């Protein structure tokens, strides 16, 4: 998130985790409708054997199956990467805070 007053980028682990949750949720929400659409197009194509539209419906189901599965995987990967980034960010903050606490204080 950008802080417009100071032109700094502020990274919050909670924001990263929230974004990860959204990406994961989108991928999960896509599963049932995608499977339903693919199955329905294949079923309808099978029921219309002999009609000119049957081949197109069959191709629709098989053609969209992989790209939509790839989309779901990219959403899952994005969620995992955002979670990993949140953990790394928290670890860095702890390390920096620990270094500040244990650093010797100079003369005042």
C-alpha atoms as a PDB file:
ATOM      1  CA  UNK A   1       0.000   0.000   0.000  1.00  0.00           C
ATOM      2  CA  UNK A   2       1.361   3.468  -0.820  1.00  0.00           C
ATOM      3  CA  UNK A   3       1.492   6.261   1.712  1.00  0.00           C
ATOM      4  CA  UNK A   4       0.767   9.330  -0.423  1.00  0.00           C
ATOM      5  CA  UNK A   5       1.911  11.783   2.250  1.00  0.00           C
ATOM      6  CA  UNK A   6       5.479  10.451   2.345  1.00  0.00           C
ATOM      7  CA  UNK A   7       5.645   8.681  -1.056  1.00  0.00           C
ATOM      8  CA  UNK A   8       6.687   5.464   0.711  1.00  0.00           C
ATOM      9  CA  UNK A   9       5.531   1.951   0.042  1.00  0.00           C
ATOM     10  CA  UNK A  10       4.276   0.275   3.196  1.00  0.00           C
ATOM     11  CA  UNK A  11       4.189  -3.508   3.244  1.00  0.00           C
ATOM     12  CA  UNK A  12       2.018  -5.133   5.860  1.00  0.00           C
ATOM     13  CA  UNK A  13       2.003  -8.879   6.353  1.00  0.00           C
ATOM     14  CA  UNK A  14      -1.712  -8.713   7.144  1.00  0.00           C
ATOM     15  CA  UNK A  15      -2.393  -7.114   3.756  1.00  0.00           C
ATOM     16  CA  UNK A  16      -0.310  -9.772   2.014  1.00  0.00           C
ATOM     17  CA  UNK A  17      -2.229 -12.518   3.814  1.00  0.00           C
ATOM     18  CA  UNK A  18      -5.564 -10.886   2.979  1.00  0.00           C
ATOM     19  CA  UNK A  19      -4.601 -10.753  -0.695  1.00  0.00           C
ATOM     20  CA  UNK A  20      -3.491 -14.392  -0.526  1.00  0.00           C
ATOM     21  CA  UNK A  21      -6.866 -15.319   0.925  1.00  0.00           C
ATOM     22  CA  UNK A  22      -8.671 -13.543  -1.895  1.00  0.00           C
ATOM     23  CA  UNK A  23      -6.569 -15.285  -4.572  1.00  0.00           C
ATOM     24  CA  UNK A  24      -7.085 -18.673  -2.921  1.00  0.00           C
ATOM     25  CA  UNK A  25     -10.810 -18.051  -2.544  1.00  0.00           C
ATOM     26  CA  UNK A  26     -11.179 -17.100  -6.211  1.00  0.00           C
ATOM     27  CA  UNK A  27      -9.461 -20.282  -7.292  1.00  0.00           C
ATOM     28  CA  UNK A  28     -11.674 -22.382  -5.049  1.00  0.00           C
ATOM     29  CA  UNK A  29     -14.833 -20.597  -6.199  1.00  0.00           C
ATOM     30  CA  UNK A  30     -13.946 -21.315  -9.829  1.00  0.00           C
ATOM     31  CA  UNK A  31     -13.653 -25.072  -9.334  1.00  0.00           C
ATOM     32  CA  UNK A  32     -17.336 -26.065  -9.326  1.00  0.00           C
ATOM     33  CA  UNK A  33     -18.561 -23.738 -12.113  1.00  0.00           C
ATOM     34  CA  UNK A  34     -15.644 -24.689 -14.370  1.00  0.00           C
ATOM     35  CA  UNK A  35     -16.174 -28.403 -13.815  1.00  0.00           C
ATOM     36  CA  UNK A  36     -19.905 -27.977 -14.356  1.00  0.00           C
ATOM     37  CA  UNK A  37     -19.409 -26.062 -17.617  1.00  0.00           C
ATOM     38  CA  UNK A  38     -16.932 -28.604 -18.989  1.00  0.00           C
ATOM     39  CA  UNK A  39     -19.073 -31.582 -17.990  1.00  0.00           C
ATOM     40  CA  UNK A  40     -22.255 -29.991 -19.330  1.00  0.00           C
ATOM     41  CA  UNK A  41     -20.726 -29.124 -22.706  1.00  0.00           C
ATOM     42  CA  UNK A  42     -19.355 -32.646 -23.075  1.00  0.00           C
ATOM     43  CA  UNK A  43     -22.662 -34.220 -22.011  1.00  0.00           C
ATOM     44  CA  UNK A  44     -24.696 -32.047 -24.357  1.00  0.00           C
ATOM     45  CA  UNK A  45     -22.261 -32.734 -27.205  1.00  0.00           C
ATOM     46  CA  UNK A  46     -22.679 -36.457 -26.613  1.00  0.00           C
ATOM     47  CA  UNK A  47     -26.451 -36.097 -26.663  1.00  0.00           C
ATOM     48  CA  UNK A  48     -26.379 -34.241 -29.954  1.00  0.00           C
ATOM     49  CA  UNK A  49     -24.371 -36.792 -31.893  1.00  0.00           C
ATOM     50  CA  UNK A  50     -25.087 -36.310 -35.562  1.00  0.00           C
ATOM     51  CA  UNK A  51     -25.920 -32.619 -35.237  1.00  0.00           C
ATOM     52  CA  UNK A  52     -23.440 -30.103 -36.599  1.00  0.00           C
ATOM     53  CA  UNK A  53     -23.225 -28.302 -33.262  1.00  0.00           C
ATOM     54  CA  UNK A  54     -22.103 -31.415 -31.346  1.00  0.00           C
ATOM     55  CA  UNK A  55     -18.453 -31.146 -32.377  1.00  0.00           C
ATOM     56  CA  UNK A  56     -18.290 -27.476 -31.427  1.00  0.00           C
ATOM     57  CA  UNK A  57     -19.763 -28.139 -27.999  1.00  0.00           C
ATOM     58  CA  UNK A  58     -17.309 -30.976 -27.413  1.00  0.00           C
ATOM     59  CA  UNK A  59     -14.407 -28.733 -28.414  1.00  0.00           C
ATOM     60  CA  UNK A  60     -15.722 -25.991 -26.146  1.00  0.00           C
ATOM     61  CA  UNK A  61     -15.511 -28.244 -23.115  1.00  0.00           C
ATOM     62  CA  UNK A  62     -12.157 -29.770 -23.928  1.00  0.00           C
ATOM     63  CA  UNK A  63     -10.699 -26.481 -25.186  1.00  0.00           C
ATOM     64  CA  UNK A  64     -11.476 -24.500 -22.046  1.00  0.00           C
ATOM     65  CA  UNK A  65     -10.630 -27.236 -19.576  1.00  0.00           C
ATOM     66  CA  UNK A  66      -6.847 -26.732 -19.545  1.00  0.00           C
ATOM     67  CA  UNK A  67      -6.759 -22.903 -19.631  1.00  0.00           C
ATOM     68  CA  UNK A  68      -9.240 -22.728 -16.764  1.00  0.00           C
ATOM     69  CA  UNK A  69      -7.301 -25.339 -14.776  1.00  0.00           C
ATOM     70  CA  UNK A  70      -4.147 -23.292 -15.438  1.00  0.00           C
ATOM     71  CA  UNK A  71      -5.917 -20.167 -14.172  1.00  0.00           C
ATOM     72  CA  UNK A  72      -6.916 -21.939 -10.963  1.00  0.00           C
ATOM     73  CA  UNK A  73      -3.319 -23.126 -10.499  1.00  0.00           C
ATOM     74  CA  UNK A  74      -1.960 -19.602 -11.028  1.00  0.00           C
ATOM     75  CA  UNK A  75      -4.355 -18.290  -8.387  1.00  0.00           C
ATOM     76  CA  UNK A  76      -3.210 -21.020  -5.976  1.00  0.00           C
ATOM     77  CA  UNK A  77       0.452 -20.230  -6.733  1.00  0.00           C
ATOM     78  CA  UNK A  78      -0.163 -16.512  -6.223  1.00  0.00           C
ATOM     79  CA  UNK A  79      -1.801 -17.196  -2.856  1.00  0.00           C
ATOM     80  CA  UNK A  80       1.128 -19.383  -1.771  1.00  0.00           C
ATOM     81  CA  UNK A  81       3.654 -16.754  -2.895  1.00  0.00           C
ATOM     82  CA  UNK A  82       1.834 -13.969  -1.059  1.00  0.00           C
ATOM     83  CA  UNK A  83       1.732 -16.077   2.122  1.00  0.00           C
ATOM     84  CA  UNK A  84       5.459 -16.834   1.784  1.00  0.00           C
ATOM     85  CA  UNK A  85       6.147 -13.141   1.257  1.00  0.00           C
ATOM     86  CA  UNK A  86       4.191 -12.291   4.414  1.00  0.00           C
ATOM     87  CA  UNK A  87       6.256 -14.777   6.429  1.00  0.00           C
ATOM     88  CA  UNK A  88       9.513 -13.436   4.981  1.00  0.00           C
ATOM     89  CA  UNK A  89       8.449  -9.870   5.697  1.00  0.00           C
ATOM     90  CA  UNK A  90       7.628 -10.709   9.325  1.00  0.00           C
ATOM     91  CA  UNK A  91      10.938 -12.542   9.740  1.00  0.00           C
ATOM     92  CA  UNK A  92      12.817  -9.537   8.357  1.00  0.00           C
ATOM     93  CA  UNK A  93      10.973  -7.172  10.690  1.00  0.00           C
ATOM     94  CA  UNK A  94      11.829  -9.392  13.685  1.00  0.00           C
ATOM     95  CA  UNK A  95      15.474  -9.609  12.640  1.00  0.00           C
ATOM     96  CA  UNK A  96      15.756  -5.847  12.214  1.00  0.00           C
ATOM     97  CA  UNK A  97      13.982  -5.195  15.520  1.00  0.00           C
ATOM     98  CA  UNK A  98      16.248  -7.712  17.254  1.00  0.00           C
ATOM     99  CA  UNK A  99      19.345  -6.076  15.779  1.00  0.00           C
ATOM    100  CA  UNK A 100      18.198  -2.672  16.995  1.00  0.00           C
ATOM    101  CA  UNK A 101      17.583  -3.967  20.522  1.00  0.00           C
ATOM    102  CA  UNK A 102      20.915  -5.783  20.791  1.00  0.00           C
ATOM    103  CA  UNK A 103      23.061  -3.138  19.026  1.00  0.00           C
ATOM    104  CA  UNK A 104      25.482  -1.376  21.361  1.00  0.00           C
ATOM    105  CA  UNK A 105      24.487   2.172  22.128  1.00  0.00           C
ATOM    106  CA  UNK A 106      26.988   4.879  21.302  1.00  0.00           C
ATOM    107  CA  UNK A 107      27.971   7.753  23.570  1.00  0.00           C
ATOM    108  CA  UNK A 108      25.346  10.421  23.971  1.00  0.00           C
END
